[in-house]
Amino acid sequence: MKKVCPDCKVPFEVDFEEFGEGDAVTCPECNLEFTIICKEPGKFKLIESKALEMEEMEEESGEDNEDYEYDED
């Protein structure tokens, strides 16, 4: 699969037979890290690792905010 890095705009090839879901792949030019995600069997997608981490943190903090009670003074 060909991917174009959103940061440096350099195209690079990712061989999904070498990697599996959850593996990290880096751009050969700028070293931006991507995580391999499998949305459907046999279909893979690359997501920026930082963006994926931010989504996970937002999901976790959203759950915590629902259970958190505070008083406004």
N, C-alpha and C. Protein backbone atom coordinates (compact mmCIF):
# COMPACT_ATOMS: atom_id res chain seq x y z
N MET A 1 0.84 -1.17 0.00
CA MET A 1 0.00 0.00 0.00
C MET A 1 0.89 1.24 0.00
N LYS A 2 0.55 2.20 -0.83
CA LYS A 2 1.30 3.44 -0.86
C LYS A 2 0.66 4.44 0.07
N LYS A 3 1.48 5.15 0.79
CA LYS A 3 1.04 6.17 1.73
C LYS A 3 1.83 7.44 1.46
N VAL A 4 1.19 8.58 1.53
CA VAL A 4 1.88 9.86 1.42
C VAL A 4 1.88 10.48 2.81
N CYS A 5 3.07 10.79 3.29
CA CYS A 5 3.20 11.36 4.62
C CYS A 5 2.55 12.75 4.64
N PRO A 6 1.63 13.00 5.58
CA PRO A 6 0.98 14.31 5.64
C PRO A 6 1.93 15.42 6.11
N ASP A 7 3.03 15.05 6.74
CA ASP A 7 3.96 16.03 7.26
C ASP A 7 4.95 16.51 6.19
N CYS A 8 5.65 15.57 5.54
CA CYS A 8 6.69 15.93 4.58
C CYS A 8 6.29 15.69 3.12
N LYS A 9 5.12 15.07 2.89
CA LYS A 9 4.57 14.81 1.55
C LYS A 9 5.37 13.81 0.72
N VAL A 10 6.20 13.00 1.37
CA VAL A 10 6.98 11.98 0.67
C VAL A 10 6.18 10.69 0.59
N PRO A 11 6.02 10.11 -0.61
CA PRO A 11 5.32 8.81 -0.72
C PRO A 11 6.24 7.67 -0.27
N PHE A 12 5.65 6.68 0.39
CA PHE A 12 6.40 5.50 0.78
C PHE A 12 5.48 4.28 0.74
N GLU A 13 6.08 3.11 0.64
CA GLU A 13 5.36 1.85 0.49
C GLU A 13 5.31 1.11 1.83
N VAL A 14 4.14 0.54 2.16
CA VAL A 14 3.97 -0.27 3.37
C VAL A 14 3.50 -1.65 2.93
N ASP A 15 4.25 -2.69 3.29
CA ASP A 15 3.91 -4.06 2.95
C ASP A 15 3.17 -4.67 4.14
N PHE A 16 1.85 -4.82 4.01
CA PHE A 16 1.04 -5.32 5.12
C PHE A 16 1.26 -6.80 5.39
N GLU A 17 1.95 -7.50 4.50
CA GLU A 17 2.29 -8.89 4.78
C GLU A 17 3.41 -8.97 5.81
N GLU A 18 4.22 -7.91 5.90
CA GLU A 18 5.31 -7.85 6.87
C GLU A 18 4.84 -7.41 8.24
N PHE A 19 3.81 -6.57 8.27
CA PHE A 19 3.34 -5.97 9.51
C PHE A 19 1.93 -6.44 9.82
N GLY A 20 1.53 -6.30 11.07
CA GLY A 20 0.18 -6.66 11.50
C GLY A 20 -0.48 -5.49 12.22
N GLU A 21 -1.73 -5.69 12.59
CA GLU A 21 -2.48 -4.64 13.27
C GLU A 21 -1.78 -4.24 14.57
N GLY A 22 -1.70 -2.93 14.79
CA GLY A 22 -1.07 -2.41 15.99
C GLY A 22 0.41 -2.13 15.84
N ASP A 23 1.01 -2.60 14.74
CA ASP A 23 2.44 -2.35 14.52
C ASP A 23 2.65 -0.89 14.13
N ALA A 24 3.84 -0.41 14.43
CA ALA A 24 4.21 0.96 14.10
C ALA A 24 5.03 0.97 12.81
N VAL A 25 4.74 1.94 11.95
CA VAL A 25 5.47 2.14 10.71
C VAL A 25 5.88 3.61 10.69
N THR A 26 7.11 3.90 10.28
CA THR A 26 7.56 5.29 10.24
C THR A 26 7.83 5.74 8.82
N CYS A 27 7.63 7.02 8.60
CA CYS A 27 7.96 7.64 7.32
C CYS A 27 9.48 7.61 7.17
N PRO A 28 9.99 7.15 6.03
CA PRO A 28 11.44 7.07 5.86
C PRO A 28 12.12 8.44 5.78
N GLU A 29 11.36 9.47 5.48
CA GLU A 29 11.95 10.80 5.34
C GLU A 29 11.97 11.59 6.65
N CYS A 30 10.82 11.72 7.32
CA CYS A 30 10.73 12.58 8.51
C CYS A 30 10.52 11.80 9.81
N ASN A 31 10.39 10.49 9.71
CA ASN A 31 10.21 9.60 10.88
C ASN A 31 8.89 9.80 11.62
N LEU A 32 7.87 10.35 10.98
CA LEU A 32 6.55 10.44 11.58
C LEU A 32 6.03 9.01 11.74
N GLU A 33 5.50 8.69 12.92
CA GLU A 33 5.08 7.32 13.21
C GLU A 33 3.59 7.13 12.95
N PHE A 34 3.26 6.00 12.32
CA PHE A 34 1.89 5.60 12.05
C PHE A 34 1.62 4.26 12.71
N THR A 35 0.37 4.00 13.05
CA THR A 35 -0.06 2.72 13.60
C THR A 35 -0.98 2.06 12.60
N ILE A 36 -0.80 0.76 12.39
CA ILE A 36 -1.63 0.01 11.45
C ILE A 36 -2.91 -0.42 12.15
N ILE A 37 -4.04 -0.10 11.54
CA ILE A 37 -5.36 -0.43 12.08
C ILE A 37 -6.10 -1.28 11.06
N CYS A 38 -6.79 -2.30 11.52
CA CYS A 38 -7.59 -3.17 10.64
C CYS A 38 -9.07 -2.88 10.91
N LYS A 39 -9.72 -2.18 9.98
CA LYS A 39 -11.13 -1.84 10.14
C LYS A 39 -12.03 -3.02 9.73
N GLU A 40 -11.63 -3.72 8.68
CA GLU A 40 -12.36 -4.90 8.19
C GLU A 40 -11.32 -5.97 7.86
N PRO A 41 -11.68 -7.23 7.90
CA PRO A 41 -10.72 -8.28 7.57
C PRO A 41 -10.10 -8.05 6.19
N GLY A 42 -8.78 -8.01 6.15
CA GLY A 42 -8.07 -7.82 4.89
C GLY A 42 -7.91 -6.38 4.45
N LYS A 43 -8.49 -5.43 5.19
CA LYS A 43 -8.37 -4.01 4.84
C LYS A 43 -7.67 -3.28 5.98
N PHE A 44 -6.53 -2.69 5.65
CA PHE A 44 -5.73 -2.00 6.65
C PHE A 44 -5.70 -0.51 6.39
N LYS A 45 -5.45 0.24 7.45
CA LYS A 45 -5.39 1.68 7.37
C LYS A 45 -4.25 2.16 8.26
N LEU A 46 -3.58 3.23 7.84
CA LEU A 46 -2.54 3.83 8.66
C LEU A 46 -3.08 5.09 9.31
N ILE A 47 -2.86 5.21 10.61
CA ILE A 47 -3.29 6.39 11.36
C ILE A 47 -2.07 6.92 12.11
N GLU A 48 -1.90 8.24 12.11
CA GLU A 48 -0.79 8.82 12.85
C GLU A 48 -0.86 8.35 14.30
N SER A 49 0.23 7.88 14.83
CA SER A 49 0.25 7.35 16.19
C SER A 49 -0.17 8.40 17.21
N LYS A 50 0.27 9.65 17.04
CA LYS A 50 -0.11 10.70 17.99
C LYS A 50 -1.61 10.95 17.94
N ALA A 51 -2.20 10.95 16.74
CA ALA A 51 -3.64 11.16 16.60
C ALA A 51 -4.41 10.01 17.25
N LEU A 52 -3.92 8.79 17.07
CA LEU A 52 -4.56 7.62 17.68
C LEU A 52 -4.49 7.70 19.20
N GLU A 53 -3.33 8.10 19.73
CA GLU A 53 -3.19 8.24 21.17
C GLU A 53 -4.13 9.32 21.72
N MET A 54 -4.28 10.42 20.98
CA MET A 54 -5.16 11.50 21.41
C MET A 54 -6.62 11.03 21.44
N GLU A 55 -7.03 10.26 20.42
CA GLU A 55 -8.40 9.71 20.40
C GLU A 55 -8.64 8.83 21.60
N GLU A 56 -7.68 7.96 21.91
CA GLU A 56 -7.82 7.05 23.04
C GLU A 56 -7.89 7.83 24.35
N MET A 57 -7.07 8.88 24.48
CA MET A 57 -7.08 9.69 25.70
C MET A 57 -8.41 10.42 25.85
N GLU A 58 -8.97 10.93 24.74
CA GLU A 58 -10.25 11.62 24.79
C GLU A 58 -11.36 10.66 25.20
N GLU A 59 -11.32 9.42 24.66
CA GLU A 59 -12.32 8.43 25.02
C GLU A 59 -12.24 8.11 26.51
N GLU A 60 -11.01 7.94 27.01
CA GLU A 60 -10.83 7.63 28.43
C GLU A 60 -11.27 8.79 29.30
N SER A 61 -10.90 10.00 28.93
CA SER A 61 -11.25 11.15 29.75
C SER A 61 -12.75 11.43 29.68
N GLY A 62 -13.40 11.12 28.57
CA GLY A 62 -14.84 11.30 28.45
C GLY A 62 -15.58 10.39 29.41
N GLU A 63 -15.11 9.17 29.57
CA GLU A 63 -15.74 8.25 30.52
C GLU A 63 -15.53 8.73 31.95
N ASP A 64 -14.33 9.24 32.24
CA ASP A 64 -14.05 9.70 33.59
C ASP A 64 -14.86 10.94 33.93
N ASN A 65 -15.08 11.82 32.95
CA ASN A 65 -15.82 13.05 33.21
C ASN A 65 -17.28 12.76 33.54
N GLU A 66 -17.84 11.69 33.02
CA GLU A 66 -19.23 11.36 33.30
C GLU A 66 -19.42 10.95 34.76
N ASP A 67 -18.41 10.31 35.32
CA ASP A 67 -18.52 9.83 36.69
C ASP A 67 -18.04 10.85 37.72
N TYR A 68 -17.44 11.92 37.26
CA TYR A 68 -16.86 12.90 38.16
C TYR A 68 -17.90 13.94 38.57
N GLU A 69 -18.04 14.14 39.86
CA GLU A 69 -18.96 15.14 40.37
C GLU A 69 -18.15 16.25 41.04
N TYR A 70 -18.57 17.47 40.86
CA TYR A 70 -17.87 18.58 41.48
C TYR A 70 -18.88 19.67 41.85
N ASP A 71 -18.48 20.48 42.81
CA ASP A 71 -19.32 21.60 43.26
C ASP A 71 -18.76 22.89 42.68
N GLU A 72 -19.64 23.71 42.16
CA GLU A 72 -19.23 25.02 41.68
C GLU A 72 -19.43 26.01 42.81
N ASP A 73 -18.38 26.72 43.16
CA ASP A 73 -18.46 27.73 44.23
C ASP A 73 -18.36 29.12 43.66
